[in-house]
Structure formats: C-alpha cells, structure tokens
Amino acid sequence: MTGSTAAEERRTMEEKELSAAETYSQMFDPYLDNPPYVPEDHAALYFARVNVFVDGSCVGFSHRAHHVQLEELRNDRFLLAICRDYPERKQLGVVIENCTYPGEKSGRNVKNGEFSLVCMGALGLPVSEKLETAFRYEEILQMEQETGTAYEISM
C-alpha cells in the first residue's frame, strides 16, 4: 500500500466518521427517545467531563475529547481561568467523570463531529471512572509561573 493510498483511506474514514456524527446530530432531539449513535467504525468512544467546585459550589465544567487523569490537571488552563475568576478563594474541588460510550470494537477518543455529540448530550454520560481531588490555588498558580501557562492564555 503506498503512502498516498493509506492517507486517502484515512481521509475517507474521517469523512465517514464526520458524516455519521453530522447525520446523528441533525436528527437528535433531547426530548425524544433517540436510537443510539453508532460510529462508522463501531468503536467504543472515550470522553470526559471535568467538574470544578469552589467552596463546595459547582462553578463550571469542561468536556474533553479523551479520558483525563488527575496529574494532567496541575497545568490545566481551565482550572487556571477559574482561579483567576474567583481570586478570593483558596481551594478548587475537581471531579473527573471519564466516560466510555459502548461500541462493538476497541475504544478510541472522540474526534471530529463526535465531540459535538458529547457537548450536546447526545451520547449521555456513561461514567466508567470517577476521580476526585482538591487543589490549593497556590499549586495551580505556581505551576502557571513554572510552565508559562499564563503567557499561553493571554495570547
């Protein structure tokens, strides 16, 4: 198989995946019972929701197109933005809900139009792993200084 043929096949598969997600998003109605979404490759789909709490109150959440581990959040722009939005607070509570949407084949991260389905709630929230932790503001802000995340955010 030549390099261009492999690239063409990948592009064709990506177009089919996008087409399947687009078609499903157009027919999806959150108020009705919908048939389940079936990815073109029949794979299980990985995604996550990161919920953030300040002083016990939920202040935001973020969908991710892959499973998230606690270590990844120490240098997370979303958490840094929340620290800036609530400067008088001291601690962030974080709950990660890693989700696996069932499929017939091995899993992969959501991509292309499938992430839109995650955001609109069309895939539900099939939690396969739940992780919880708390970060002190100083931890997040110190990591910002060490890694230059602030520069990246302000760009």
N, C-alpha and C. Protein backbone atom coordinates (compact mmCIF):
# COMPACT_ATOMS: atom_id res chain seq x y z
N MET A 1 0.85 -1.18 0.00
CA MET A 1 0.00 0.00 0.00
C MET A 1 0.90 1.23 0.00
N THR A 2 0.68 2.13 -0.91
CA THR A 2 1.50 3.33 -0.99
C THR A 2 1.09 4.32 0.08
N GLY A 3 1.99 5.27 0.35
CA GLY A 3 1.70 6.28 1.37
C GLY A 3 0.48 7.11 1.02
N SER A 4 0.33 7.45 -0.27
CA SER A 4 -0.82 8.26 -0.65
C SER A 4 -2.12 7.47 -0.54
N THR A 5 -2.08 6.18 -0.81
CA THR A 5 -3.28 5.35 -0.69
C THR A 5 -3.70 5.24 0.77
N ALA A 6 -2.74 5.04 1.67
CA ALA A 6 -3.06 4.97 3.10
C ALA A 6 -3.63 6.29 3.58
N ALA A 7 -3.05 7.40 3.13
CA ALA A 7 -3.55 8.72 3.53
C ALA A 7 -4.97 8.94 3.00
N GLU A 8 -5.22 8.49 1.78
CA GLU A 8 -6.56 8.63 1.19
C GLU A 8 -7.58 7.80 1.97
N GLU A 9 -7.19 6.59 2.37
CA GLU A 9 -8.10 5.74 3.15
C GLU A 9 -8.41 6.37 4.50
N ARG A 10 -7.39 6.94 5.16
CA ARG A 10 -7.61 7.63 6.44
C ARG A 10 -8.56 8.80 6.27
N ARG A 11 -8.34 9.58 5.22
CA ARG A 11 -9.19 10.73 4.95
C ARG A 11 -10.63 10.29 4.69
N THR A 12 -10.81 9.22 3.92
CA THR A 12 -12.14 8.69 3.64
C THR A 12 -12.83 8.24 4.92
N MET A 13 -12.08 7.55 5.80
CA MET A 13 -12.65 7.09 7.07
C MET A 13 -13.04 8.28 7.94
N GLU A 14 -12.19 9.32 7.99
CA GLU A 14 -12.51 10.51 8.78
C GLU A 14 -13.76 11.19 8.24
N GLU A 15 -13.91 11.24 6.92
CA GLU A 15 -15.09 11.85 6.32
C GLU A 15 -16.35 11.05 6.68
N LYS A 16 -16.25 9.71 6.69
CA LYS A 16 -17.39 8.88 7.06
C LYS A 16 -17.77 9.10 8.53
N GLU A 17 -16.74 9.16 9.39
CA GLU A 17 -17.00 9.39 10.82
C GLU A 17 -17.68 10.74 11.02
N LEU A 18 -17.18 11.76 10.33
CA LEU A 18 -17.77 13.08 10.44
C LEU A 18 -19.19 13.05 9.90
N SER A 19 -19.40 12.36 8.79
CA SER A 19 -20.73 12.27 8.20
C SER A 19 -21.71 11.59 9.14
N ALA A 20 -21.29 10.49 9.77
CA ALA A 20 -22.18 9.78 10.70
C ALA A 20 -22.54 10.68 11.88
N ALA A 21 -21.57 11.40 12.42
CA ALA A 21 -21.83 12.29 13.56
C ALA A 21 -22.73 13.45 13.15
N GLU A 22 -22.47 14.02 11.97
CA GLU A 22 -23.31 15.12 11.49
C GLU A 22 -24.75 14.67 11.29
N THR A 23 -24.92 13.53 10.67
CA THR A 23 -26.26 12.99 10.43
C THR A 23 -26.99 12.78 11.75
N TYR A 24 -26.30 12.19 12.72
CA TYR A 24 -26.94 11.94 14.01
C TYR A 24 -27.27 13.24 14.72
N SER A 25 -26.37 14.22 14.66
CA SER A 25 -26.64 15.49 15.35
C SER A 25 -27.84 16.22 14.75
N GLN A 26 -28.06 16.05 13.46
CA GLN A 26 -29.20 16.70 12.82
C GLN A 26 -30.53 16.06 13.21
N MET A 27 -30.53 14.76 13.50
CA MET A 27 -31.79 14.10 13.86
C MET A 27 -32.01 14.02 15.37
N PHE A 28 -30.96 14.28 16.16
CA PHE A 28 -31.05 14.14 17.61
C PHE A 28 -32.02 15.17 18.19
N ASP A 29 -32.92 14.70 19.05
CA ASP A 29 -33.85 15.57 19.77
C ASP A 29 -33.77 15.18 21.24
N PRO A 30 -33.31 16.09 22.10
CA PRO A 30 -33.14 15.74 23.52
C PRO A 30 -34.44 15.41 24.23
N TYR A 31 -35.57 15.74 23.63
CA TYR A 31 -36.86 15.49 24.28
C TYR A 31 -37.51 14.18 23.84
N LEU A 32 -36.87 13.47 22.93
CA LEU A 32 -37.42 12.21 22.43
C LEU A 32 -36.46 11.07 22.72
N ASP A 33 -36.98 9.84 22.65
CA ASP A 33 -36.11 8.67 22.70
C ASP A 33 -35.45 8.55 21.33
N ASN A 34 -34.14 8.59 21.31
CA ASN A 34 -33.40 8.52 20.06
C ASN A 34 -32.71 7.17 19.95
N PRO A 35 -32.54 6.68 18.74
CA PRO A 35 -31.74 5.46 18.60
C PRO A 35 -30.31 5.77 19.01
N PRO A 36 -29.57 4.77 19.47
CA PRO A 36 -28.19 5.05 19.88
C PRO A 36 -27.32 5.45 18.69
N TYR A 37 -26.36 6.31 18.96
CA TYR A 37 -25.38 6.69 17.93
C TYR A 37 -24.44 5.51 17.71
N VAL A 38 -24.16 5.20 16.45
CA VAL A 38 -23.22 4.14 16.11
C VAL A 38 -22.11 4.75 15.25
N PRO A 39 -20.90 4.83 15.79
CA PRO A 39 -19.79 5.36 14.98
C PRO A 39 -19.57 4.49 13.75
N GLU A 40 -19.07 5.10 12.71
CA GLU A 40 -18.83 4.38 11.46
C GLU A 40 -17.91 3.17 11.67
N ASP A 41 -16.94 3.30 12.58
CA ASP A 41 -16.01 2.20 12.83
C ASP A 41 -16.46 1.29 13.97
N HIS A 42 -17.64 1.55 14.53
CA HIS A 42 -18.24 0.75 15.61
C HIS A 42 -17.38 0.70 16.88
N ALA A 43 -16.53 1.68 17.07
CA ALA A 43 -15.63 1.70 18.23
C ALA A 43 -16.35 2.24 19.46
N ALA A 44 -15.89 1.80 20.63
CA ALA A 44 -16.30 2.45 21.87
C ALA A 44 -15.65 3.83 21.87
N LEU A 45 -16.29 4.81 22.48
CA LEU A 45 -15.78 6.19 22.45
C LEU A 45 -15.41 6.67 23.84
N TYR A 46 -14.24 7.30 23.95
CA TYR A 46 -13.76 7.83 25.21
C TYR A 46 -13.91 9.35 25.23
N PHE A 47 -14.45 9.86 26.33
CA PHE A 47 -14.51 11.30 26.56
C PHE A 47 -14.65 11.52 28.05
N ALA A 48 -14.61 12.77 28.48
CA ALA A 48 -14.67 13.06 29.92
C ALA A 48 -15.36 14.39 30.16
N ARG A 49 -15.84 14.52 31.39
CA ARG A 49 -16.34 15.80 31.87
C ARG A 49 -15.59 16.11 33.15
N VAL A 50 -15.04 17.32 33.22
CA VAL A 50 -14.31 17.78 34.40
C VAL A 50 -15.19 18.82 35.09
N ASN A 51 -15.65 18.50 36.29
CA ASN A 51 -16.49 19.40 37.09
C ASN A 51 -15.61 20.11 38.11
N VAL A 52 -15.80 21.42 38.27
CA VAL A 52 -14.97 22.19 39.19
C VAL A 52 -15.85 22.87 40.23
N PHE A 53 -15.42 22.76 41.49
CA PHE A 53 -16.15 23.31 42.62
C PHE A 53 -15.26 24.29 43.38
N VAL A 54 -15.85 25.40 43.79
CA VAL A 54 -15.17 26.36 44.65
C VAL A 54 -16.03 26.49 45.90
N ASP A 55 -15.43 26.23 47.03
CA ASP A 55 -16.17 26.26 48.30
C ASP A 55 -17.44 25.41 48.26
N GLY A 56 -17.37 24.26 47.61
CA GLY A 56 -18.49 23.33 47.58
C GLY A 56 -19.54 23.62 46.53
N SER A 57 -19.44 24.73 45.82
CA SER A 57 -20.42 25.07 44.78
C SER A 57 -19.80 24.84 43.40
N CYS A 58 -20.58 24.23 42.53
CA CYS A 58 -20.11 23.99 41.17
C CYS A 58 -20.00 25.33 40.44
N VAL A 59 -18.83 25.61 39.89
CA VAL A 59 -18.62 26.87 39.18
C VAL A 59 -18.37 26.65 37.69
N GLY A 60 -18.26 25.40 37.27
CA GLY A 60 -18.07 25.16 35.85
C GLY A 60 -17.74 23.71 35.56
N PHE A 61 -17.81 23.38 34.29
CA PHE A 61 -17.40 22.05 33.84
C PHE A 61 -16.83 22.19 32.44
N SER A 62 -16.07 21.20 32.08
CA SER A 62 -15.43 21.19 30.77
C SER A 62 -15.50 19.79 30.19
N HIS A 63 -15.95 19.69 28.95
CA HIS A 63 -15.91 18.40 28.27
C HIS A 63 -14.53 18.23 27.64
N ARG A 64 -14.05 16.99 27.61
CA ARG A 64 -12.76 16.68 27.00
C ARG A 64 -12.96 15.53 26.02
N ALA A 65 -12.18 15.52 24.96
CA ALA A 65 -12.31 14.51 23.91
C ALA A 65 -11.48 13.26 24.18
N HIS A 66 -11.20 13.01 25.45
CA HIS A 66 -10.40 11.85 25.85
C HIS A 66 -10.58 11.65 27.34
N HIS A 67 -10.13 10.52 27.87
CA HIS A 67 -10.13 10.32 29.31
C HIS A 67 -9.07 11.22 29.93
N VAL A 68 -9.33 11.68 31.15
CA VAL A 68 -8.45 12.62 31.84
C VAL A 68 -7.95 11.98 33.13
N GLN A 69 -6.69 12.19 33.44
CA GLN A 69 -6.11 11.72 34.70
C GLN A 69 -5.83 12.92 35.59
N LEU A 70 -5.81 12.71 36.89
CA LEU A 70 -5.62 13.81 37.84
C LEU A 70 -4.33 14.58 37.59
N GLU A 71 -3.25 13.89 37.23
CA GLU A 71 -1.96 14.55 37.04
C GLU A 71 -2.01 15.60 35.93
N GLU A 72 -2.85 15.38 34.93
CA GLU A 72 -2.96 16.31 33.80
C GLU A 72 -3.50 17.67 34.22
N LEU A 73 -4.22 17.72 35.32
CA LEU A 73 -4.92 18.95 35.69
C LEU A 73 -4.04 19.98 36.39
N ARG A 74 -2.87 19.60 36.83
CA ARG A 74 -2.00 20.55 37.53
C ARG A 74 -1.60 21.72 36.64
N ASN A 75 -1.60 21.51 35.35
CA ASN A 75 -1.21 22.56 34.42
C ASN A 75 -2.35 22.82 33.43
N ASP A 76 -3.56 22.90 33.94
CA ASP A 76 -4.74 22.99 33.09
C ASP A 76 -5.21 24.44 32.97
N ARG A 77 -5.40 24.90 31.76
CA ARG A 77 -5.83 26.29 31.52
C ARG A 77 -7.21 26.58 32.11
N PHE A 78 -8.09 25.60 32.04
CA PHE A 78 -9.45 25.78 32.57
C PHE A 78 -9.41 26.05 34.07
N LEU A 79 -8.64 25.26 34.81
CA LEU A 79 -8.52 25.47 36.25
C LEU A 79 -7.85 26.80 36.56
N LEU A 80 -6.86 27.16 35.77
CA LEU A 80 -6.19 28.44 35.96
C LEU A 80 -7.18 29.60 35.75
N ALA A 81 -8.02 29.50 34.75
CA ALA A 81 -9.02 30.54 34.50
C ALA A 81 -9.98 30.66 35.67
N ILE A 82 -10.36 29.54 36.27
CA ILE A 82 -11.26 29.59 37.42
C ILE A 82 -10.56 30.24 38.62
N CYS A 83 -9.29 29.93 38.81
CA CYS A 83 -8.53 30.59 39.89
C CYS A 83 -8.54 32.11 39.69
N ARG A 84 -8.43 32.54 38.47
CA ARG A 84 -8.45 33.99 38.19
C ARG A 84 -9.85 34.58 38.37
N ASP A 85 -10.88 33.80 38.05
CA ASP A 85 -12.25 34.28 38.19
C ASP A 85 -12.71 34.38 39.64
N TYR A 86 -12.13 33.56 40.51
CA TYR A 86 -12.50 33.53 41.93
C TYR A 86 -11.25 33.74 42.79
N PRO A 87 -10.62 34.92 42.69
CA PRO A 87 -9.32 35.13 43.34
C PRO A 87 -9.36 35.11 44.87
N GLU A 88 -10.50 35.34 45.46
CA GLU A 88 -10.59 35.41 46.92
C GLU A 88 -10.69 34.02 47.56
N ARG A 89 -10.79 32.98 46.77
CA ARG A 89 -10.95 31.62 47.29
C ARG A 89 -9.59 30.95 47.47
N LYS A 90 -9.60 29.78 48.08
CA LYS A 90 -8.34 29.11 48.39
C LYS A 90 -8.21 27.71 47.77
N GLN A 91 -9.35 27.05 47.49
CA GLN A 91 -9.26 25.65 47.08
C GLN A 91 -10.28 25.33 45.98
N LEU A 92 -9.82 24.51 45.02
CA LEU A 92 -10.69 24.01 43.96
C LEU A 92 -10.94 22.53 44.19
N GLY A 93 -12.20 22.13 44.12
CA GLY A 93 -12.53 20.71 44.12
C GLY A 93 -12.75 20.29 42.68
N VAL A 94 -12.24 19.14 42.31
CA VAL A 94 -12.35 18.67 40.93
C VAL A 94 -12.89 17.24 40.93
N VAL A 95 -13.90 17.01 40.09
CA VAL A 95 -14.44 15.67 39.88
C VAL A 95 -14.34 15.38 38.39
N ILE A 96 -13.58 14.35 38.06
CA ILE A 96 -13.43 13.92 36.67
C ILE A 96 -14.34 12.72 36.45
N GLU A 97 -15.18 12.82 35.44
CA GLU A 97 -16.03 11.70 35.05
C GLU A 97 -15.56 11.20 33.68
N ASN A 98 -14.73 10.16 33.69
CA ASN A 98 -14.29 9.55 32.44
C ASN A 98 -15.41 8.66 31.93
N CYS A 99 -15.79 8.86 30.69
CA CYS A 99 -16.93 8.14 30.11
C CYS A 99 -16.48 7.24 28.97
N THR A 100 -17.15 6.11 28.86
CA THR A 100 -16.93 5.21 27.74
C THR A 100 -18.28 4.89 27.12
N TYR A 101 -18.51 5.44 25.93
CA TYR A 101 -19.73 5.16 25.19
C TYR A 101 -19.55 3.79 24.53
N PRO A 102 -20.48 2.86 24.76
CA PRO A 102 -20.26 1.48 24.31
C PRO A 102 -20.18 1.35 22.79
N GLY A 103 -19.35 0.43 22.38
CA GLY A 103 -19.20 0.11 20.96
C GLY A 103 -18.84 -1.35 20.81
N GLU A 104 -18.90 -1.84 19.60
CA GLU A 104 -18.61 -3.25 19.33
C GLU A 104 -17.11 -3.53 19.25
N LYS A 105 -16.31 -2.50 18.98
CA LYS A 105 -14.87 -2.69 18.80
C LYS A 105 -14.11 -1.95 19.89
N SER A 106 -12.79 -2.07 19.84
CA SER A 106 -11.96 -1.42 20.85
C SER A 106 -12.18 0.09 20.84
N GLY A 107 -11.85 0.72 21.96
CA GLY A 107 -12.16 2.13 22.13
C GLY A 107 -11.14 3.08 21.54
N ARG A 108 -11.59 4.32 21.37
CA ARG A 108 -10.76 5.42 20.89
C ARG A 108 -11.35 6.72 21.42
N ASN A 109 -10.57 7.78 21.37
CA ASN A 109 -11.05 9.10 21.78
C ASN A 109 -12.06 9.61 20.75
N VAL A 110 -13.02 10.41 21.20
CA VAL A 110 -13.96 11.01 20.24
C VAL A 110 -13.18 11.97 19.36
N LYS A 111 -13.65 12.16 18.16
CA LYS A 111 -13.00 13.09 17.24
C LYS A 111 -14.02 13.69 16.32
N ASN A 112 -13.58 14.70 15.61
CA ASN A 112 -14.40 15.38 14.62
C ASN A 112 -15.77 15.76 15.19
N GLY A 113 -16.83 15.43 14.48
CA GLY A 113 -18.17 15.82 14.89
C GLY A 113 -18.68 15.09 16.12
N GLU A 114 -18.01 14.01 16.51
CA GLU A 114 -18.45 13.27 17.70
C GLU A 114 -18.34 14.12 18.96
N PHE A 115 -17.37 15.02 19.00
CA PHE A 115 -17.24 15.88 20.17
C PHE A 115 -18.46 16.79 20.31
N SER A 116 -19.03 17.19 19.19
CA SER A 116 -20.27 17.97 19.24
C SER A 116 -21.39 17.16 19.88
N LEU A 117 -21.43 15.86 19.58
CA LEU A 117 -22.44 14.99 20.19
C LEU A 117 -22.25 14.92 21.70
N VAL A 118 -20.99 14.88 22.15
CA VAL A 118 -20.70 14.88 23.59
C VAL A 118 -21.25 16.16 24.21
N CYS A 119 -20.93 17.30 23.60
CA CYS A 119 -21.33 18.59 24.16
C CYS A 119 -22.84 18.79 24.18
N MET A 120 -23.54 18.24 23.20
CA MET A 120 -24.99 18.40 23.18
C MET A 120 -25.72 17.33 23.99
N GLY A 121 -24.97 16.42 24.60
CA GLY A 121 -25.57 15.41 25.46
C GLY A 121 -26.12 14.21 24.72
N ALA A 122 -25.82 14.10 23.44
CA ALA A 122 -26.38 13.02 22.64
C ALA A 122 -25.80 11.65 22.98
N LEU A 123 -24.63 11.62 23.61
CA LEU A 123 -24.02 10.33 23.98
C LEU A 123 -24.27 10.00 25.44
N GLY A 124 -25.01 10.84 26.13
CA GLY A 124 -25.25 10.62 27.55
C GLY A 124 -23.98 10.85 28.35
N LEU A 125 -23.96 10.29 29.53
CA LEU A 125 -22.78 10.42 30.39
C LEU A 125 -22.49 9.05 31.01
N PRO A 126 -22.07 8.07 30.18
CA PRO A 126 -21.81 6.72 30.69
C PRO A 126 -20.48 6.67 31.46
N VAL A 127 -20.51 7.03 32.73
CA VAL A 127 -19.29 7.15 33.53
C VAL A 127 -18.68 5.77 33.76
N SER A 128 -17.42 5.62 33.37
CA SER A 128 -16.69 4.37 33.58
C SER A 128 -15.66 4.51 34.69
N GLU A 129 -15.32 5.75 35.03
CA GLU A 129 -14.34 6.01 36.09
C GLU A 129 -14.60 7.41 36.64
N LYS A 130 -14.56 7.52 37.96
CA LYS A 130 -14.77 8.81 38.60
C LYS A 130 -13.57 9.09 39.50
N LEU A 131 -12.93 10.24 39.29
CA LEU A 131 -11.77 10.64 40.06
C LEU A 131 -12.06 11.96 40.74
N GLU A 132 -11.65 12.09 42.00
CA GLU A 132 -11.89 13.32 42.74
C GLU A 132 -10.62 13.78 43.43
N THR A 133 -10.42 15.08 43.46
CA THR A 133 -9.28 15.65 44.18
C THR A 133 -9.57 17.11 44.50
N ALA A 134 -8.68 17.70 45.25
CA ALA A 134 -8.75 19.13 45.54
C ALA A 134 -7.37 19.72 45.29
N PHE A 135 -7.35 20.92 44.77
CA PHE A 135 -6.10 21.65 44.54
C PHE A 135 -6.15 22.95 45.32
N ARG A 136 -5.04 23.29 45.93
CA ARG A 136 -4.92 24.63 46.52
C ARG A 136 -4.60 25.60 45.39
N TYR A 137 -5.11 26.80 45.49
CA TYR A 137 -4.84 27.81 44.47
C TYR A 137 -3.34 27.97 44.23
N GLU A 138 -2.57 27.91 45.33
CA GLU A 138 -1.13 28.11 45.20
C GLU A 138 -0.51 27.07 44.26
N GLU A 139 -1.01 25.83 44.30
CA GLU A 139 -0.49 24.79 43.41
C GLU A 139 -0.69 25.16 41.94
N ILE A 140 -1.89 25.59 41.63
CA ILE A 140 -2.22 25.93 40.24
C ILE A 140 -1.43 27.15 39.80
N LEU A 141 -1.39 28.18 40.64
CA LEU A 141 -0.69 29.41 40.27
C LEU A 141 0.82 29.21 40.20
N GLN A 142 1.37 28.37 41.05
CA GLN A 142 2.81 28.09 41.00
C GLN A 142 3.14 27.35 39.70
N MET A 143 2.32 26.41 39.32
CA MET A 143 2.55 25.68 38.07
C MET A 143 2.47 26.64 36.89
N GLU A 144 1.59 27.63 36.98
CA GLU A 144 1.48 28.64 35.92
C GLU A 144 2.81 29.37 35.76
N GLN A 145 3.41 29.77 36.88
CA GLN A 145 4.68 30.50 36.81
C GLN A 145 5.80 29.62 36.28
N GLU A 146 5.81 28.35 36.67
CA GLU A 146 6.88 27.44 36.25
C GLU A 146 6.80 27.07 34.78
N THR A 147 5.60 26.99 34.24
CA THR A 147 5.43 26.49 32.87
C THR A 147 5.10 27.57 31.86
N GLY A 148 4.77 28.76 32.31
CA GLY A 148 4.42 29.82 31.36
C GLY A 148 3.02 29.71 30.81
N THR A 149 2.15 29.00 31.50
CA THR A 149 0.77 28.84 31.03
C THR A 149 0.08 30.19 30.88
N ALA A 150 0.39 31.14 31.75
CA ALA A 150 -0.24 32.46 31.69
C ALA A 150 0.03 33.11 30.35
N TYR A 151 1.25 32.96 29.87
CA TYR A 151 1.60 33.53 28.58
C TYR A 151 0.75 32.91 27.48
N GLU A 152 0.57 31.60 27.53
CA GLU A 152 -0.23 30.91 26.52
C GLU A 152 -1.67 31.38 26.55
N ILE A 153 -2.21 31.60 27.74
CA ILE A 153 -3.61 32.00 27.86
C ILE A 153 -3.82 33.41 27.32
N SER A 154 -2.87 34.30 27.59
CA SER A 154 -3.07 35.69 27.20
C SER A 154 -2.87 35.92 25.71
N MET A 155 -2.35 34.95 25.01
CA MET A 155 -2.09 35.11 23.57
C MET A 155 -3.37 35.12 22.78
